[in-house]
Amino acid sequence: MSQTLKTQLSATSWLLLAGSLAFAPPPARAQGNLGPVTVGAGLQTSFSHNSTTGTPSTDEFQLNSARIYISGPVTDQISFMFNTEFDGGTNKVGILDAAAQFNISPEIHIWAGRFLPPSDRANLYGPYYSNQWGPYNDGVQDGYPFAYTGRDNGVMWWGDFQKLKVSLGAFDGKTTDGNRTVLGAARVQYDFWDKEE
């Protein structure tokens, strides 16, 4: 007779709360009064207990994923995003996002670097925001080519037209599927009820 008990604990909520620190910039800046640079963190950990009749039980604590998020303004219309992730499966740290963001108006935003391409709602989930433990391991959300954890290198325009949001991007094919072709991605979202912020 075999019995397996696996308990997975997510410490995301308290770590995001504890790790979300805002460092206010100096009051006098050449570009005016810019917002703060923010630093945040996320963590997914688990504990496994396996007990089988006739063999010693095993206990294992795992660090599945850990992330550091940094973002903030450079000027009134230029900001940056730099996020990293530690992957417990490979025991390596990778660049999750690294993007320059040009915010000309609500209708004109240009992003360049590495970030999530325009996609469907399910594919935009991360390991801390999905209702399931491993959103990229079920063969559905991981059906898109990417350079690292759903991200790709490229450039994107997106615009906010009140209840309508549109985004179009061109991305590097070589880092995703090995072909030296440009990959396109687009997303159109309309809010029939209230405007999504």
N, C-alpha and C. Protein backbone atom coordinates (compact mmCIF):
# COMPACT_ATOMS: atom_id res chain seq x y z
N MET A 1 0.84 -1.17 0.00
CA MET A 1 0.00 0.00 0.00
C MET A 1 0.90 1.24 0.00
N SER A 2 0.58 2.20 -0.86
CA SER A 2 1.42 3.37 -1.01
C SER A 2 0.62 4.62 -0.71
N GLN A 3 1.27 5.51 0.00
CA GLN A 3 0.60 6.77 0.32
C GLN A 3 1.58 7.90 0.04
N THR A 4 1.16 8.88 -0.72
CA THR A 4 2.01 10.02 -1.03
C THR A 4 1.28 11.29 -0.63
N LEU A 5 1.98 12.10 0.11
CA LEU A 5 1.41 13.37 0.54
C LEU A 5 2.32 14.47 0.05
N LYS A 6 1.78 15.38 -0.71
CA LYS A 6 2.59 16.49 -1.21
C LYS A 6 1.88 17.79 -0.87
N THR A 7 2.55 18.61 -0.13
CA THR A 7 2.00 19.89 0.26
C THR A 7 2.83 20.98 -0.36
N GLN A 8 2.20 21.86 -1.05
CA GLN A 8 2.92 22.95 -1.69
C GLN A 8 2.45 24.25 -1.07
N LEU A 9 3.40 25.02 -0.61
CA LEU A 9 3.10 26.28 0.07
C LEU A 9 3.64 27.44 -0.75
N SER A 10 2.82 28.40 -1.04
CA SER A 10 3.27 29.58 -1.77
C SER A 10 3.41 30.74 -0.82
N ALA A 11 4.60 31.30 -0.77
CA ALA A 11 4.87 32.44 0.10
C ALA A 11 4.81 33.74 -0.67
N THR A 12 4.17 33.72 -1.81
CA THR A 12 4.18 34.88 -2.70
C THR A 12 3.57 36.10 -2.05
N SER A 13 2.38 35.97 -1.49
CA SER A 13 1.68 37.16 -1.03
C SER A 13 2.46 37.91 0.04
N TRP A 14 3.00 37.20 1.03
CA TRP A 14 3.71 37.95 2.08
C TRP A 14 5.06 38.43 1.60
N LEU A 15 5.69 37.72 0.67
CA LEU A 15 6.97 38.20 0.16
C LEU A 15 6.81 39.40 -0.76
N LEU A 16 5.75 39.38 -1.57
CA LEU A 16 5.51 40.55 -2.41
C LEU A 16 5.21 41.77 -1.56
N LEU A 17 4.46 41.56 -0.49
CA LEU A 17 4.16 42.67 0.41
C LEU A 17 5.42 43.15 1.12
N ALA A 18 6.20 42.22 1.66
CA ALA A 18 7.41 42.59 2.38
C ALA A 18 8.51 43.08 1.45
N GLY A 19 8.53 42.54 0.21
CA GLY A 19 9.60 42.89 -0.71
C GLY A 19 9.33 44.09 -1.59
N SER A 20 8.10 44.61 -1.55
CA SER A 20 7.78 45.76 -2.39
C SER A 20 8.20 47.04 -1.68
N LEU A 21 9.38 47.47 -1.99
CA LEU A 21 9.94 48.67 -1.38
C LEU A 21 9.97 49.78 -2.41
N ALA A 22 9.64 50.96 -2.00
CA ALA A 22 9.70 52.11 -2.90
C ALA A 22 10.75 53.08 -2.38
N PHE A 23 11.69 53.40 -3.24
CA PHE A 23 12.73 54.35 -2.90
C PHE A 23 12.44 55.66 -3.61
N ALA A 24 12.11 56.70 -2.85
CA ALA A 24 11.76 57.99 -3.45
C ALA A 24 13.00 58.65 -4.01
N PRO A 25 12.90 59.24 -5.21
CA PRO A 25 14.04 59.94 -5.78
C PRO A 25 14.28 61.27 -5.06
N PRO A 26 15.45 61.88 -5.24
CA PRO A 26 15.69 63.18 -4.64
C PRO A 26 14.67 64.19 -5.12
N PRO A 27 14.27 65.16 -4.28
CA PRO A 27 13.21 66.10 -4.67
C PRO A 27 13.56 66.96 -5.87
N ALA A 28 14.83 67.29 -6.06
CA ALA A 28 15.21 68.16 -7.17
C ALA A 28 15.82 67.32 -8.28
N ARG A 29 15.18 67.29 -9.43
CA ARG A 29 15.69 66.58 -10.59
C ARG A 29 15.54 67.48 -11.80
N ALA A 30 16.44 67.30 -12.75
CA ALA A 30 16.39 68.12 -13.95
C ALA A 30 15.10 67.90 -14.73
N GLN A 31 14.55 66.67 -14.69
CA GLN A 31 13.35 66.38 -15.46
C GLN A 31 12.07 66.73 -14.70
N GLY A 32 12.15 67.19 -13.50
CA GLY A 32 10.96 67.48 -12.71
C GLY A 32 10.78 66.44 -11.62
N ASN A 33 9.58 66.38 -11.07
CA ASN A 33 9.29 65.48 -9.98
C ASN A 33 8.85 64.12 -10.53
N LEU A 34 9.79 63.19 -10.64
CA LEU A 34 9.50 61.86 -11.18
C LEU A 34 9.03 60.94 -10.07
N GLY A 35 8.33 59.90 -10.46
CA GLY A 35 7.87 58.91 -9.50
C GLY A 35 9.02 58.07 -8.97
N PRO A 36 8.75 57.18 -8.01
CA PRO A 36 9.81 56.39 -7.38
C PRO A 36 10.26 55.21 -8.24
N VAL A 37 11.48 54.76 -8.00
CA VAL A 37 11.95 53.48 -8.51
C VAL A 37 11.45 52.44 -7.53
N THR A 38 10.79 51.40 -8.02
CA THR A 38 10.25 50.38 -7.13
C THR A 38 11.05 49.09 -7.23
N VAL A 39 11.17 48.42 -6.11
CA VAL A 39 11.86 47.13 -6.03
C VAL A 39 10.90 46.16 -5.36
N GLY A 40 10.69 45.01 -5.99
CA GLY A 40 9.80 44.01 -5.42
C GLY A 40 10.41 42.63 -5.53
N ALA A 41 9.78 41.67 -4.90
CA ALA A 41 10.29 40.29 -4.92
C ALA A 41 9.13 39.31 -4.87
N GLY A 42 9.34 38.12 -5.39
CA GLY A 42 8.36 37.05 -5.33
C GLY A 42 9.06 35.72 -5.10
N LEU A 43 8.35 34.78 -4.50
CA LEU A 43 8.95 33.49 -4.15
C LEU A 43 7.90 32.41 -4.23
N GLN A 44 8.27 31.27 -4.80
CA GLN A 44 7.41 30.09 -4.79
C GLN A 44 8.24 28.94 -4.24
N THR A 45 7.77 28.35 -3.16
CA THR A 45 8.50 27.26 -2.51
C THR A 45 7.54 26.11 -2.24
N SER A 46 8.08 24.93 -2.01
CA SER A 46 7.23 23.78 -1.75
C SER A 46 7.90 22.79 -0.80
N PHE A 47 7.07 21.96 -0.19
CA PHE A 47 7.54 20.88 0.69
C PHE A 47 6.89 19.59 0.23
N SER A 48 7.69 18.54 0.03
CA SER A 48 7.18 17.24 -0.40
C SER A 48 7.50 16.19 0.64
N HIS A 49 6.49 15.40 1.01
CA HIS A 49 6.67 14.26 1.91
C HIS A 49 6.16 13.03 1.18
N ASN A 50 7.02 12.04 0.98
CA ASN A 50 6.65 10.80 0.29
C ASN A 50 6.83 9.64 1.25
N SER A 51 5.77 8.86 1.39
CA SER A 51 5.80 7.70 2.29
C SER A 51 5.25 6.49 1.55
N THR A 52 6.08 5.46 1.39
CA THR A 52 5.69 4.22 0.73
C THR A 52 5.94 3.05 1.67
N THR A 53 5.02 2.13 1.72
CA THR A 53 5.17 0.97 2.60
C THR A 53 6.43 0.19 2.26
N GLY A 54 7.24 -0.08 3.27
CA GLY A 54 8.45 -0.88 3.09
C GLY A 54 9.69 -0.07 2.76
N THR A 55 9.58 1.23 2.56
CA THR A 55 10.76 2.07 2.29
C THR A 55 10.72 3.28 3.21
N PRO A 56 11.89 3.81 3.52
CA PRO A 56 11.90 5.01 4.38
C PRO A 56 11.22 6.19 3.69
N SER A 57 10.54 7.01 4.47
CA SER A 57 9.88 8.19 3.91
C SER A 57 10.93 9.25 3.59
N THR A 58 10.59 10.13 2.68
CA THR A 58 11.50 11.21 2.29
C THR A 58 10.79 12.55 2.44
N ASP A 59 11.55 13.54 2.83
CA ASP A 59 11.05 14.90 2.96
C ASP A 59 11.97 15.82 2.15
N GLU A 60 11.37 16.77 1.45
CA GLU A 60 12.16 17.64 0.60
C GLU A 60 11.57 19.05 0.57
N PHE A 61 12.39 20.02 0.91
CA PHE A 61 12.02 21.43 0.77
C PHE A 61 12.64 21.94 -0.52
N GLN A 62 11.85 22.66 -1.33
CA GLN A 62 12.34 23.15 -2.62
C GLN A 62 12.10 24.64 -2.76
N LEU A 63 13.05 25.31 -3.41
CA LEU A 63 12.86 26.68 -3.85
C LEU A 63 12.57 26.61 -5.34
N ASN A 64 11.29 26.71 -5.71
CA ASN A 64 10.89 26.53 -7.11
C ASN A 64 11.23 27.75 -7.95
N SER A 65 10.96 28.93 -7.43
CA SER A 65 11.16 30.15 -8.20
C SER A 65 11.33 31.32 -7.24
N ALA A 66 12.20 32.25 -7.62
CA ALA A 66 12.37 33.50 -6.87
C ALA A 66 12.64 34.61 -7.87
N ARG A 67 11.97 35.73 -7.71
CA ARG A 67 12.10 36.84 -8.65
C ARG A 67 12.41 38.15 -7.94
N ILE A 68 13.14 39.01 -8.64
CA ILE A 68 13.38 40.38 -8.20
C ILE A 68 12.88 41.30 -9.31
N TYR A 69 12.07 42.28 -8.93
CA TYR A 69 11.49 43.22 -9.88
C TYR A 69 12.02 44.63 -9.60
N ILE A 70 12.50 45.31 -10.63
CA ILE A 70 12.96 46.70 -10.50
C ILE A 70 12.38 47.49 -11.67
N SER A 71 11.76 48.64 -11.38
CA SER A 71 11.22 49.48 -12.45
C SER A 71 11.11 50.92 -11.96
N GLY A 72 11.11 51.83 -12.91
CA GLY A 72 10.97 53.23 -12.54
C GLY A 72 11.19 54.16 -13.70
N PRO A 73 11.01 55.47 -13.47
CA PRO A 73 11.17 56.46 -14.53
C PRO A 73 12.61 56.90 -14.71
N VAL A 74 12.94 57.26 -15.94
CA VAL A 74 14.23 57.88 -16.26
C VAL A 74 14.01 59.36 -16.55
N THR A 75 12.96 59.65 -17.33
CA THR A 75 12.50 61.01 -17.57
C THR A 75 10.98 60.98 -17.45
N ASP A 76 10.34 62.09 -17.79
CA ASP A 76 8.88 62.14 -17.73
C ASP A 76 8.23 61.18 -18.71
N GLN A 77 8.91 60.85 -19.81
CA GLN A 77 8.31 59.98 -20.83
C GLN A 77 9.07 58.68 -21.07
N ILE A 78 10.16 58.46 -20.36
CA ILE A 78 10.95 57.24 -20.53
C ILE A 78 11.07 56.53 -19.17
N SER A 79 10.79 55.24 -19.17
CA SER A 79 10.95 54.45 -17.95
C SER A 79 11.63 53.14 -18.31
N PHE A 80 11.95 52.35 -17.30
CA PHE A 80 12.63 51.08 -17.53
C PHE A 80 12.01 49.99 -16.67
N MET A 81 12.26 48.74 -17.06
CA MET A 81 11.82 47.58 -16.31
C MET A 81 12.94 46.55 -16.38
N PHE A 82 13.35 46.02 -15.23
CA PHE A 82 14.40 44.99 -15.18
C PHE A 82 14.01 43.97 -14.13
N ASN A 83 13.72 42.74 -14.56
CA ASN A 83 13.28 41.68 -13.66
C ASN A 83 14.11 40.42 -13.89
N THR A 84 14.43 39.73 -12.81
CA THR A 84 15.20 38.49 -12.90
C THR A 84 14.41 37.35 -12.27
N GLU A 85 14.78 36.12 -12.63
CA GLU A 85 14.16 34.95 -12.02
C GLU A 85 15.20 33.87 -11.74
N PHE A 86 15.14 33.33 -10.52
CA PHE A 86 15.92 32.15 -10.17
C PHE A 86 15.03 30.94 -10.43
N ASP A 87 15.51 29.99 -11.25
CA ASP A 87 14.78 28.78 -11.58
C ASP A 87 15.32 27.64 -10.73
N GLY A 88 14.49 27.12 -9.83
CA GLY A 88 14.92 26.06 -8.93
C GLY A 88 15.23 24.75 -9.65
N GLY A 89 14.62 24.54 -10.83
CA GLY A 89 14.88 23.31 -11.59
C GLY A 89 16.27 23.26 -12.18
N THR A 90 16.76 24.43 -12.65
CA THR A 90 18.10 24.49 -13.26
C THR A 90 19.13 25.11 -12.33
N ASN A 91 18.67 25.70 -11.23
CA ASN A 91 19.55 26.37 -10.26
C ASN A 91 20.32 27.53 -10.91
N LYS A 92 19.64 28.26 -11.85
CA LYS A 92 20.26 29.38 -12.54
C LYS A 92 19.37 30.62 -12.46
N VAL A 93 19.99 31.78 -12.59
CA VAL A 93 19.27 33.06 -12.63
C VAL A 93 19.25 33.54 -14.07
N GLY A 94 18.08 33.96 -14.54
CA GLY A 94 17.94 34.46 -15.91
C GLY A 94 17.30 35.83 -15.94
N ILE A 95 17.46 36.52 -17.07
CA ILE A 95 16.84 37.83 -17.27
C ILE A 95 15.40 37.58 -17.70
N LEU A 96 14.47 37.95 -16.86
CA LEU A 96 13.06 37.79 -17.15
C LEU A 96 12.59 38.90 -18.08
N ASP A 97 12.74 40.15 -17.65
CA ASP A 97 12.37 41.32 -18.46
C ASP A 97 13.51 42.33 -18.39
N ALA A 98 13.77 42.98 -19.50
CA ALA A 98 14.71 44.11 -19.56
C ALA A 98 14.25 44.99 -20.71
N ALA A 99 13.55 46.07 -20.38
CA ALA A 99 12.92 46.86 -21.44
C ALA A 99 13.02 48.34 -21.15
N ALA A 100 13.22 49.10 -22.23
CA ALA A 100 13.06 50.55 -22.20
C ALA A 100 11.63 50.85 -22.64
N GLN A 101 10.97 51.75 -21.93
CA GLN A 101 9.56 52.04 -22.18
C GLN A 101 9.39 53.53 -22.48
N PHE A 102 8.92 53.83 -23.68
CA PHE A 102 8.72 55.21 -24.10
C PHE A 102 7.22 55.49 -24.08
N ASN A 103 6.80 56.38 -23.19
CA ASN A 103 5.39 56.65 -22.96
C ASN A 103 5.06 58.06 -23.47
N ILE A 104 4.74 58.17 -24.75
CA ILE A 104 4.52 59.46 -25.38
C ILE A 104 3.14 60.01 -25.03
N SER A 105 2.13 59.15 -25.07
CA SER A 105 0.75 59.53 -24.74
C SER A 105 0.01 58.26 -24.38
N PRO A 106 -1.24 58.35 -23.88
CA PRO A 106 -1.99 57.12 -23.60
C PRO A 106 -2.14 56.22 -24.82
N GLU A 107 -2.15 56.82 -26.02
CA GLU A 107 -2.32 56.03 -27.25
C GLU A 107 -1.01 55.56 -27.85
N ILE A 108 0.12 56.09 -27.39
CA ILE A 108 1.41 55.74 -27.98
C ILE A 108 2.40 55.36 -26.89
N HIS A 109 2.63 54.07 -26.75
CA HIS A 109 3.65 53.52 -25.86
C HIS A 109 4.53 52.60 -26.71
N ILE A 110 5.85 52.76 -26.63
CA ILE A 110 6.78 51.90 -27.36
C ILE A 110 7.67 51.21 -26.33
N TRP A 111 7.73 49.88 -26.39
CA TRP A 111 8.62 49.10 -25.53
C TRP A 111 9.66 48.43 -26.41
N ALA A 112 10.90 48.39 -25.94
CA ALA A 112 11.98 47.71 -26.67
C ALA A 112 12.84 46.94 -25.69
N GLY A 113 13.17 45.69 -26.03
CA GLY A 113 13.99 44.86 -25.14
C GLY A 113 13.39 43.47 -25.03
N ARG A 114 13.38 42.92 -23.82
CA ARG A 114 12.78 41.61 -23.55
C ARG A 114 11.59 41.78 -22.61
N PHE A 115 10.45 41.22 -23.02
CA PHE A 115 9.23 41.34 -22.23
C PHE A 115 8.21 40.34 -22.78
N LEU A 116 7.04 40.27 -22.15
CA LEU A 116 5.97 39.39 -22.63
C LEU A 116 5.37 39.95 -23.91
N PRO A 117 5.36 39.20 -25.01
CA PRO A 117 4.70 39.68 -26.23
C PRO A 117 3.19 39.77 -26.03
N PRO A 118 2.50 40.53 -26.87
CA PRO A 118 1.04 40.51 -26.81
C PRO A 118 0.54 39.07 -26.97
N SER A 119 -0.40 38.69 -26.13
CA SER A 119 -0.83 37.29 -26.11
C SER A 119 -2.23 37.20 -25.54
N ASP A 120 -2.74 35.96 -25.42
CA ASP A 120 -4.04 35.78 -24.81
C ASP A 120 -3.92 35.82 -23.29
N ARG A 121 -5.03 35.96 -22.65
CA ARG A 121 -5.05 36.16 -21.19
C ARG A 121 -4.39 35.01 -20.45
N ALA A 122 -4.66 33.77 -20.84
CA ALA A 122 -4.10 32.62 -20.12
C ALA A 122 -2.58 32.59 -20.20
N ASN A 123 -2.02 32.98 -21.34
CA ASN A 123 -0.57 32.93 -21.50
C ASN A 123 0.14 34.05 -20.74
N LEU A 124 -0.60 35.07 -20.32
CA LEU A 124 0.00 36.18 -19.58
C LEU A 124 0.13 35.86 -18.09
N TYR A 125 -0.42 34.74 -17.64
CA TYR A 125 -0.27 34.34 -16.24
C TYR A 125 1.18 34.00 -15.94
N GLY A 126 1.60 34.29 -14.74
CA GLY A 126 2.90 33.85 -14.26
C GLY A 126 2.70 32.84 -13.15
N PRO A 127 3.78 32.31 -12.58
CA PRO A 127 3.65 31.29 -11.54
C PRO A 127 3.03 31.81 -10.25
N TYR A 128 2.96 33.12 -10.09
CA TYR A 128 2.41 33.68 -8.85
C TYR A 128 0.97 34.15 -9.00
N TYR A 129 0.43 34.13 -10.22
CA TYR A 129 -0.88 34.72 -10.45
C TYR A 129 -1.89 33.75 -11.01
N SER A 130 -1.49 32.53 -11.28
CA SER A 130 -2.39 31.54 -11.84
C SER A 130 -3.09 30.77 -10.72
N ASN A 131 -4.24 30.18 -11.05
CA ASN A 131 -4.95 29.36 -10.06
C ASN A 131 -4.33 27.99 -9.89
N GLN A 132 -3.42 27.63 -10.76
CA GLN A 132 -2.76 26.34 -10.64
C GLN A 132 -1.27 26.53 -10.33
N TRP A 133 -0.64 25.46 -9.86
CA TRP A 133 0.73 25.57 -9.37
C TRP A 133 1.74 25.77 -10.49
N GLY A 134 1.61 25.03 -11.59
CA GLY A 134 2.58 25.10 -12.67
C GLY A 134 1.91 25.50 -13.98
N PRO A 135 1.64 26.78 -14.21
CA PRO A 135 0.86 27.17 -15.39
C PRO A 135 1.54 26.89 -16.71
N TYR A 136 2.86 26.73 -16.74
CA TYR A 136 3.55 26.50 -18.01
C TYR A 136 3.87 25.03 -18.24
N ASN A 137 3.34 24.14 -17.42
CA ASN A 137 3.66 22.72 -17.54
C ASN A 137 2.50 21.86 -18.01
N ASP A 138 1.39 22.48 -18.41
CA ASP A 138 0.22 21.68 -18.77
C ASP A 138 0.04 21.53 -20.28
N GLY A 139 0.98 22.04 -21.08
CA GLY A 139 0.89 21.88 -22.51
C GLY A 139 -0.04 22.84 -23.21
N VAL A 140 -0.63 23.78 -22.48
CA VAL A 140 -1.54 24.74 -23.10
C VAL A 140 -0.86 26.11 -23.20
N GLN A 141 -0.54 26.72 -22.06
CA GLN A 141 0.01 28.06 -22.07
C GLN A 141 1.41 28.13 -22.66
N ASP A 142 2.14 27.02 -22.70
CA ASP A 142 3.51 27.04 -23.19
C ASP A 142 3.58 26.75 -24.69
N GLY A 143 2.49 26.95 -25.40
CA GLY A 143 2.46 26.66 -26.82
C GLY A 143 3.02 27.78 -27.69
N TYR A 144 3.55 28.85 -27.10
CA TYR A 144 4.08 29.97 -27.85
C TYR A 144 5.60 29.94 -27.84
N PRO A 145 6.25 30.33 -28.94
CA PRO A 145 7.72 30.39 -28.93
C PRO A 145 8.19 31.53 -28.04
N PHE A 146 9.24 31.30 -27.28
CA PHE A 146 9.77 32.35 -26.41
C PHE A 146 11.24 32.13 -26.14
N ALA A 147 11.92 33.20 -25.73
CA ALA A 147 13.34 33.13 -25.40
C ALA A 147 13.54 32.67 -23.97
N TYR A 148 12.68 33.16 -23.05
CA TYR A 148 12.82 32.80 -21.64
C TYR A 148 11.50 33.04 -20.92
N THR A 149 10.93 32.02 -20.34
CA THR A 149 9.73 32.09 -19.51
C THR A 149 8.62 32.94 -20.12
N GLY A 150 8.29 32.67 -21.35
CA GLY A 150 7.21 33.39 -22.02
C GLY A 150 7.63 34.70 -22.66
N ARG A 151 8.85 35.16 -22.37
CA ARG A 151 9.32 36.45 -22.90
C ARG A 151 10.06 36.25 -24.23
N ASP A 152 10.15 37.36 -24.99
CA ASP A 152 10.93 37.36 -26.22
C ASP A 152 11.56 38.73 -26.40
N ASN A 153 12.59 38.79 -27.25
CA ASN A 153 13.30 40.04 -27.52
C ASN A 153 12.65 40.72 -28.72
N GLY A 154 12.32 42.02 -28.58
CA GLY A 154 11.71 42.70 -29.70
C GLY A 154 11.27 44.11 -29.36
N VAL A 155 10.34 44.61 -30.16
CA VAL A 155 9.80 45.96 -29.98
C VAL A 155 8.29 45.88 -30.12
N MET A 156 7.57 46.72 -29.35
CA MET A 156 6.11 46.66 -29.34
C MET A 156 5.54 48.06 -29.20
N TRP A 157 4.44 48.30 -29.91
CA TRP A 157 3.62 49.49 -29.69
C TRP A 157 2.34 49.04 -29.02
N TRP A 158 1.90 49.81 -28.02
CA TRP A 158 0.57 49.56 -27.47
C TRP A 158 -0.10 50.89 -27.15
N GLY A 159 -1.42 50.89 -27.28
CA GLY A 159 -2.19 52.10 -27.05
C GLY A 159 -3.42 51.83 -26.22
N ASP A 160 -3.76 52.80 -25.40
CA ASP A 160 -4.92 52.73 -24.53
C ASP A 160 -5.95 53.74 -25.02
N PHE A 161 -7.06 53.25 -25.57
CA PHE A 161 -8.12 54.10 -26.10
C PHE A 161 -9.36 53.93 -25.24
N GLN A 162 -9.25 54.27 -23.97
CA GLN A 162 -10.31 54.11 -22.98
C GLN A 162 -10.66 52.63 -22.81
N LYS A 163 -11.79 52.17 -23.33
CA LYS A 163 -12.17 50.77 -23.14
C LYS A 163 -11.48 49.83 -24.13
N LEU A 164 -10.79 50.37 -25.11
CA LEU A 164 -10.09 49.56 -26.10
C LEU A 164 -8.59 49.66 -25.89
N LYS A 165 -7.92 48.51 -25.84
CA LYS A 165 -6.46 48.46 -25.77
C LYS A 165 -5.95 47.61 -26.94
N VAL A 166 -4.95 48.13 -27.64
CA VAL A 166 -4.39 47.44 -28.80
C VAL A 166 -2.88 47.37 -28.62
N SER A 167 -2.28 46.23 -28.94
CA SER A 167 -0.82 46.10 -28.91
C SER A 167 -0.35 45.27 -30.09
N LEU A 168 0.74 45.72 -30.72
CA LEU A 168 1.35 45.05 -31.87
C LEU A 168 2.85 45.00 -31.65
N GLY A 169 3.47 43.86 -31.97
CA GLY A 169 4.90 43.74 -31.75
C GLY A 169 5.60 42.90 -32.80
N ALA A 170 6.91 43.15 -32.94
CA ALA A 170 7.79 42.35 -33.81
C ALA A 170 8.91 41.80 -32.94
N PHE A 171 9.17 40.50 -33.05
CA PHE A 171 10.09 39.84 -32.13
C PHE A 171 11.09 38.98 -32.87
N ASP A 172 12.21 38.73 -32.22
CA ASP A 172 13.33 37.99 -32.79
C ASP A 172 13.01 36.50 -32.87
N GLY A 173 13.01 35.96 -34.08
CA GLY A 173 12.72 34.54 -34.26
C GLY A 173 13.86 33.64 -33.89
N LYS A 174 15.11 34.10 -34.06
CA LYS A 174 16.26 33.23 -33.83
C LYS A 174 16.36 32.78 -32.37
N THR A 175 16.02 33.67 -31.43
CA THR A 175 16.13 33.30 -30.02
C THR A 175 14.98 32.41 -29.57
N THR A 176 13.92 32.29 -30.39
CA THR A 176 12.79 31.46 -29.98
C THR A 176 12.76 30.11 -30.67
N ASP A 177 12.74 30.12 -32.01
CA ASP A 177 12.65 28.84 -32.73
C ASP A 177 13.83 28.58 -33.65
N GLY A 178 14.87 29.43 -33.60
CA GLY A 178 16.06 29.20 -34.39
C GLY A 178 16.03 29.77 -35.79
N ASN A 179 14.86 30.19 -36.27
CA ASN A 179 14.75 30.77 -37.61
C ASN A 179 15.03 32.27 -37.57
N ARG A 180 15.79 32.75 -38.56
CA ARG A 180 16.12 34.18 -38.61
C ARG A 180 15.00 34.96 -39.29
N THR A 181 13.82 34.87 -38.75
CA THR A 181 12.67 35.60 -39.26
C THR A 181 12.06 36.40 -38.13
N VAL A 182 11.36 37.45 -38.47
CA VAL A 182 10.67 38.26 -37.48
C VAL A 182 9.33 37.61 -37.16
N LEU A 183 9.04 37.48 -35.87
CA LEU A 183 7.76 36.94 -35.43
C LEU A 183 6.85 38.11 -35.03
N GLY A 184 5.61 38.05 -35.43
CA GLY A 184 4.65 39.10 -35.08
C GLY A 184 3.70 38.62 -34.00
N ALA A 185 3.23 39.56 -33.19
CA ALA A 185 2.25 39.24 -32.16
C ALA A 185 1.33 40.44 -31.99
N ALA A 186 0.07 40.18 -31.73
CA ALA A 186 -0.91 41.26 -31.57
C ALA A 186 -1.95 40.87 -30.53
N ARG A 187 -2.54 41.88 -29.92
CA ARG A 187 -3.61 41.66 -28.95
C ARG A 187 -4.57 42.84 -29.03
N VAL A 188 -5.86 42.54 -29.07
CA VAL A 188 -6.90 43.56 -29.02
C VAL A 188 -7.82 43.20 -27.86
N GLN A 189 -8.05 44.17 -27.00
CA GLN A 189 -8.89 43.95 -25.82
C GLN A 189 -9.93 45.06 -25.73
N TYR A 190 -11.20 44.66 -25.57
CA TYR A 190 -12.25 45.65 -25.37
C TYR A 190 -12.97 45.34 -24.08
N ASP A 191 -13.13 46.34 -23.22
CA ASP A 191 -13.80 46.17 -21.94
C ASP A 191 -15.26 46.58 -22.10
N PHE A 192 -16.16 45.62 -22.09
CA PHE A 192 -17.58 45.91 -22.29
C PHE A 192 -18.22 46.52 -21.05
N TRP A 193 -17.64 46.28 -19.89
CA TRP A 193 -18.22 46.80 -18.66
C TRP A 193 -17.47 48.04 -18.23
N ASP A 194 -16.55 47.92 -17.29
CA ASP A 194 -15.74 49.05 -16.85
C ASP A 194 -14.36 48.98 -17.48
N LYS A 195 -13.74 50.12 -17.63
CA LYS A 195 -12.38 50.19 -18.18
C LYS A 195 -11.39 49.50 -17.24
N GLU A 196 -10.60 48.56 -17.77
CA GLU A 196 -9.59 47.89 -16.97
C GLU A 196 -8.37 48.77 -16.84
N GLU A 197 -7.91 48.97 -15.63
CA GLU A 197 -6.74 49.83 -15.40
C GLU A 197 -5.46 49.03 -15.53
